[in-house]
């Protein structure tokens, strides 16, 4: 059981590291999204979930 938990944790850590690498590459290439736009989209998603 513990080995399975460690394996899952390691897999999630690798996935996170890959996402960070993608984000770092996007940042280096100037592919940025305005923070206010991001939070506006998140708020829209939250509102849709509340309404359903």
PDB file of N, CA and C in Angstrom:
ATOM      1  N   UNK A   1       0.823  -1.198   0.000  1.00  0.00           N
ATOM      2  CA  UNK A   1       0.000   0.000   0.000  1.00  0.00           C
ATOM      3  C   UNK A   1       0.864   1.258   0.000  1.00  0.00           C
ATOM      4  N   UNK A   2       1.882   1.273   0.842  1.00  0.00           N
ATOM      5  CA  UNK A   2       2.768   2.434   0.929  1.00  0.00           C
ATOM      6  C   UNK A   2       3.528   2.622  -0.380  1.00  0.00           C
ATOM      7  N   UNK A   3       3.934   1.531  -0.986  1.00  0.00           N
ATOM      8  CA  UNK A   3       4.660   1.607  -2.260  1.00  0.00           C
ATOM      9  C   UNK A   3       3.760   2.211  -3.332  1.00  0.00           C
ATOM     10  N   UNK A   4       2.491   1.833  -3.342  1.00  0.00           N
ATOM     11  CA  UNK A   4       1.537   2.391  -4.296  1.00  0.00           C
ATOM     12  C   UNK A   4       1.375   3.889  -4.069  1.00  0.00           C
ATOM     13  N   UNK A   5       1.270   4.308  -2.829  1.00  0.00           N
ATOM     14  CA  UNK A   5       1.124   5.720  -2.506  1.00  0.00           C
ATOM     15  C   UNK A   5       2.354   6.516  -2.944  1.00  0.00           C
ATOM     16  N   UNK A   6       3.528   5.959  -2.742  1.00  0.00           N
ATOM     17  CA  UNK A   6       4.766   6.618  -3.160  1.00  0.00           C
ATOM     18  C   UNK A   6       4.811   6.715  -4.680  1.00  0.00           C
ATOM     19  N   UNK A   7       4.397   5.661  -5.358  1.00  0.00           N
ATOM     20  CA  UNK A   7       4.377   5.648  -6.815  1.00  0.00           C
ATOM     21  C   UNK A   7       3.432   6.717  -7.362  1.00  0.00           C
ATOM     22  N   UNK A   8       2.262   6.829  -6.767  1.00  0.00           N
ATOM     23  CA  UNK A   8       1.292   7.841  -7.188  1.00  0.00           C
ATOM     24  C   UNK A   8       1.858   9.232  -6.941  1.00  0.00           C
ATOM     25  N   UNK A   9       2.475   9.429  -5.799  1.00  0.00           N
ATOM     26  CA  UNK A   9       3.060  10.729  -5.467  1.00  0.00           C
ATOM     27  C   UNK A   9       4.160  11.095  -6.465  1.00  0.00           C
ATOM     28  N   UNK A  10       5.009  10.140  -6.801  1.00  0.00           N
ATOM     29  CA  UNK A  10       6.079  10.388  -7.762  1.00  0.00           C
ATOM     30  C   UNK A  10       5.519  10.721  -9.143  1.00  0.00           C
ATOM     31  N   UNK A  11       4.451  10.034  -9.542  1.00  0.00           N
ATOM     32  CA  UNK A  11       3.817  10.303 -10.832  1.00  0.00           C
ATOM     33  C   UNK A  11       3.254  11.722 -10.858  1.00  0.00           C
ATOM     34  N   UNK A  12       2.567  12.112  -9.785  1.00  0.00           N
ATOM     35  CA  UNK A  12       1.999  13.456  -9.719  1.00  0.00           C
ATOM     36  C   UNK A  12       3.092  14.515  -9.704  1.00  0.00           C
ATOM     37  N   UNK A  13       4.198  14.231  -9.039  1.00  0.00           N
ATOM     38  CA  UNK A  13       5.318  15.162  -9.006  1.00  0.00           C
ATOM     39  C   UNK A  13       5.899  15.340 -10.399  1.00  0.00           C
ATOM     40  N   UNK A  14       6.055  14.256 -11.149  1.00  0.00           N
ATOM     41  CA  UNK A  14       6.566  14.344 -12.524  1.00  0.00           C
ATOM     42  C   UNK A  14       5.617  15.126 -13.415  1.00  0.00           C
ATOM     43  N   UNK A  15       4.309  14.919 -13.242  1.00  0.00           N
ATOM     44  CA  UNK A  15       3.327  15.665 -14.021  1.00  0.00           C
ATOM     45  C   UNK A  15       3.417  17.159 -13.709  1.00  0.00           C
ATOM     46  N   UNK A  16       3.561  17.487 -12.439  1.00  0.00           N
ATOM     47  CA  UNK A  16       3.696  18.886 -12.035  1.00  0.00           C
ATOM     48  C   UNK A  16       4.964  19.501 -12.606  1.00  0.00           C
ATOM     49  N   UNK A  17       6.056  18.772 -12.561  1.00  0.00           N
ATOM     50  CA  UNK A  17       7.316  19.271 -13.113  1.00  0.00           C
ATOM     51  C   UNK A  17       7.191  19.519 -14.617  1.00  0.00           C
ATOM     52  N   UNK A  18       6.469  18.654 -15.311  1.00  0.00           N
ATOM     53  CA  UNK A  18       6.265  18.835 -16.746  1.00  0.00           C
ATOM     54  C   UNK A  18       5.438  20.088 -17.013  1.00  0.00           C
ATOM     55  N   UNK A  19       4.393  20.310 -16.205  1.00  0.00           N
ATOM     56  CA  UNK A  19       3.564  21.503 -16.372  1.00  0.00           C
ATOM     57  C   UNK A  19       4.370  22.771 -16.092  1.00  0.00           C
ATOM     58  N   UNK A  20       5.223  22.727 -15.102  1.00  0.00           N
ATOM     59  CA  UNK A  20       6.079  23.870 -14.789  1.00  0.00           C
ATOM     60  C   UNK A  20       7.032  24.144 -15.946  1.00  0.00           C
ATOM     61  N   UNK A  21       7.577  23.078 -16.536  1.00  0.00           N
ATOM     62  CA  UNK A  21       8.484  23.241 -17.674  1.00  0.00           C
ATOM     63  C   UNK A  21       7.760  23.891 -18.853  1.00  0.00           C
ATOM     64  N   UNK A  22       6.525  23.482 -19.112  1.00  0.00           N
ATOM     65  CA  UNK A  22       5.744  24.083 -20.190  1.00  0.00           C
ATOM     66  C   UNK A  22       5.502  25.560 -19.893  1.00  0.00           C
ATOM     67  N   UNK A  23       5.112  25.866 -18.683  1.00  0.00           N
ATOM     68  CA  UNK A  23       4.867  27.253 -18.308  1.00  0.00           C
ATOM     69  C   UNK A  23       6.113  28.111 -18.396  1.00  0.00           C
ATOM     70  N   UNK A  24       7.239  27.559 -18.000  1.00  0.00           N
ATOM     71  CA  UNK A  24       8.501  28.282 -18.080  1.00  0.00           C
ATOM     72  C   UNK A  24       8.867  28.569 -19.529  1.00  0.00           C
ATOM     73  N   UNK A  25       8.643  27.599 -20.399  1.00  0.00           N
ATOM     74  CA  UNK A  25       8.909  27.772 -21.825  1.00  0.00           C
ATOM     75  C   UNK A  25       7.983  28.839 -22.420  1.00  0.00           C
ATOM     76  N   UNK A  26       6.718  28.795 -22.039  1.00  0.00           N
ATOM     77  CA  UNK A  26       5.773  29.798 -22.521  1.00  0.00           C
ATOM     78  C   UNK A  26       6.188  31.195 -22.060  1.00  0.00           C
ATOM     79  N   UNK A  27       6.617  31.301 -20.835  1.00  0.00           N
ATOM     80  CA  UNK A  27       7.076  32.575 -20.299  1.00  0.00           C
ATOM     81  C   UNK A  27       8.285  33.089 -21.079  1.00  0.00           C
ATOM     82  N   UNK A  28       9.214  32.202 -21.356  1.00  0.00           N
ATOM     83  CA  UNK A  28      10.414  32.575 -22.106  1.00  0.00           C
ATOM     84  C   UNK A  28      10.073  33.035 -23.519  1.00  0.00           C
ATOM     85  N   UNK A  29       8.989  32.484 -24.086  1.00  0.00           N
ATOM     86  CA  UNK A  29       8.566  32.846 -25.441  1.00  0.00           C
ATOM     87  C   UNK A  29       7.612  34.037 -25.461  1.00  0.00           C
ATOM     88  N   UNK A  30       7.338  34.596 -24.289  1.00  0.00           N
ATOM     89  CA  UNK A  30       6.446  35.744 -24.220  1.00  0.00           C
ATOM     90  C   UNK A  30       4.979  35.400 -24.350  1.00  0.00           C
ATOM     91  N   UNK A  31       4.640  34.137 -24.161  1.00  0.00           N
ATOM     92  CA  UNK A  31       3.253  33.690 -24.259  1.00  0.00           C
ATOM     93  C   UNK A  31       2.596  33.821 -22.887  1.00  0.00           C
ATOM     94  N   UNK A  32       2.157  35.037 -22.582  1.00  0.00           N
ATOM     95  CA  UNK A  32       1.588  35.319 -21.272  1.00  0.00           C
ATOM     96  C   UNK A  32       0.099  35.603 -21.378  1.00  0.00           C
ATOM     97  N   UNK A  33      -0.617  35.374 -20.299  1.00  0.00           N
ATOM     98  CA  UNK A  33      -2.024  35.714 -20.207  1.00  0.00           C
ATOM     99  C   UNK A  33      -2.189  36.691 -19.059  1.00  0.00           C
ATOM    100  N   UNK A  34      -2.930  37.761 -19.308  1.00  0.00           N
ATOM    101  CA  UNK A  34      -3.180  38.752 -18.280  1.00  0.00           C
ATOM    102  C   UNK A  34      -3.876  38.101 -17.084  1.00  0.00           C
ATOM    103  N   UNK A  35      -3.393  38.378 -15.904  1.00  0.00           N
ATOM    104  CA  UNK A  35      -3.943  37.782 -14.687  1.00  0.00           C
ATOM    105  C   UNK A  35      -5.421  38.069 -14.492  1.00  0.00           C
ATOM    106  N   UNK A  36      -5.856  39.281 -14.831  1.00  0.00           N
ATOM    107  CA  UNK A  36      -7.262  39.622 -14.678  1.00  0.00           C
ATOM    108  C   UNK A  36      -8.138  38.778 -15.591  1.00  0.00           C
ATOM    109  N   UNK A  37      -7.641  38.463 -16.785  1.00  0.00           N
ATOM    110  CA  UNK A  37      -8.391  37.603 -17.703  1.00  0.00           C
ATOM    111  C   UNK A  37      -8.522  36.192 -17.132  1.00  0.00           C
ATOM    112  N   UNK A  38      -7.451  35.720 -16.548  1.00  0.00           N
ATOM    113  CA  UNK A  38      -7.469  34.371 -15.962  1.00  0.00           C
ATOM    114  C   UNK A  38      -8.506  34.301 -14.853  1.00  0.00           C
ATOM    115  N   UNK A  39      -8.485  35.273 -13.950  1.00  0.00           N
ATOM    116  CA  UNK A  39      -9.424  35.246 -12.835  1.00  0.00           C
ATOM    117  C   UNK A  39     -10.861  35.467 -13.293  1.00  0.00           C
ATOM    118  N   UNK A  40     -11.058  36.250 -14.338  1.00  0.00           N
ATOM    119  CA  UNK A  40     -12.404  36.437 -14.884  1.00  0.00           C
ATOM    120  C   UNK A  40     -12.934  35.117 -15.433  1.00  0.00           C
ATOM    121  N   UNK A  41     -12.078  34.369 -16.141  1.00  0.00           N
ATOM    122  CA  UNK A  41     -12.510  33.065 -16.673  1.00  0.00           C
ATOM    123  C   UNK A  41     -12.806  32.076 -15.550  1.00  0.00           C
ATOM    124  N   UNK A  42     -11.966  32.094 -14.518  1.00  0.00           N
ATOM    125  CA  UNK A  42     -12.221  31.208 -13.378  1.00  0.00           C
ATOM    126  C   UNK A  42     -13.544  31.553 -12.706  1.00  0.00           C
ATOM    127  N   UNK A  43     -13.814  32.841 -12.552  1.00  0.00           N
ATOM    128  CA  UNK A  43     -15.063  33.258 -11.930  1.00  0.00           C
ATOM    129  C   UNK A  43     -16.254  32.820 -12.765  1.00  0.00           C
ATOM    130  N   UNK A  44     -16.138  32.904 -14.087  1.00  0.00           N
ATOM    131  CA  UNK A  44     -17.213  32.438 -14.965  1.00  0.00           C
ATOM    132  C   UNK A  44     -17.473  30.952 -14.765  1.00  0.00           C
ATOM    133  N   UNK A  45     -16.409  30.174 -14.655  1.00  0.00           N
ATOM    134  CA  UNK A  45     -16.564  28.732 -14.433  1.00  0.00           C
ATOM    135  C   UNK A  45     -17.244  28.465 -13.097  1.00  0.00           C
ATOM    136  N   UNK A  46     -16.832  29.187 -12.079  1.00  0.00           N
ATOM    137  CA  UNK A  46     -17.435  29.025 -10.746  1.00  0.00           C
ATOM    138  C   UNK A  46     -18.920  29.345 -10.812  1.00  0.00           C
ATOM    139  N   UNK A  47     -19.262  30.430 -11.488  1.00  0.00           N
ATOM    140  CA  UNK A  47     -20.664  30.824 -11.601  1.00  0.00           C
ATOM    141  C   UNK A  47     -21.485  29.776 -12.341  1.00  0.00           C
ATOM    142  N   UNK A  48     -20.923  29.174 -13.402  1.00  0.00           N
ATOM    143  CA  UNK A  48     -21.641  28.131 -14.145  1.00  0.00           C
ATOM    144  C   UNK A  48     -21.888  26.911 -13.274  1.00  0.00           C
ATOM    145  N   UNK A  49     -20.910  26.561 -12.450  1.00  0.00           N
ATOM    146  CA  UNK A  49     -21.064  25.398 -11.573  1.00  0.00           C
ATOM    147  C   UNK A  49     -22.147  25.676 -10.522  1.00  0.00           C
ATOM    148  N   UNK A  50     -22.144  26.890  -9.994  1.00  0.00           N
ATOM    149  CA  UNK A  50     -23.158  27.250  -8.986  1.00  0.00           C
ATOM    150  C   UNK A  50     -24.560  27.193  -9.572  1.00  0.00           C
ATOM    151  N   UNK A  51     -24.699  27.582 -10.850  1.00  0.00           N
ATOM    152  CA  UNK A  51     -26.009  27.626 -11.490  1.00  0.00           C
ATOM    153  C   UNK A  51     -26.536  26.252 -11.887  1.00  0.00           C
ATOM    154  N   UNK A  52     -25.658  25.280 -12.014  1.00  0.00           N
ATOM    155  CA  UNK A  52     -26.115  23.960 -12.459  1.00  0.00           C
ATOM    156  C   UNK A  52     -26.482  23.047 -11.310  1.00  0.00           C
TER     157      UNK A  52
END
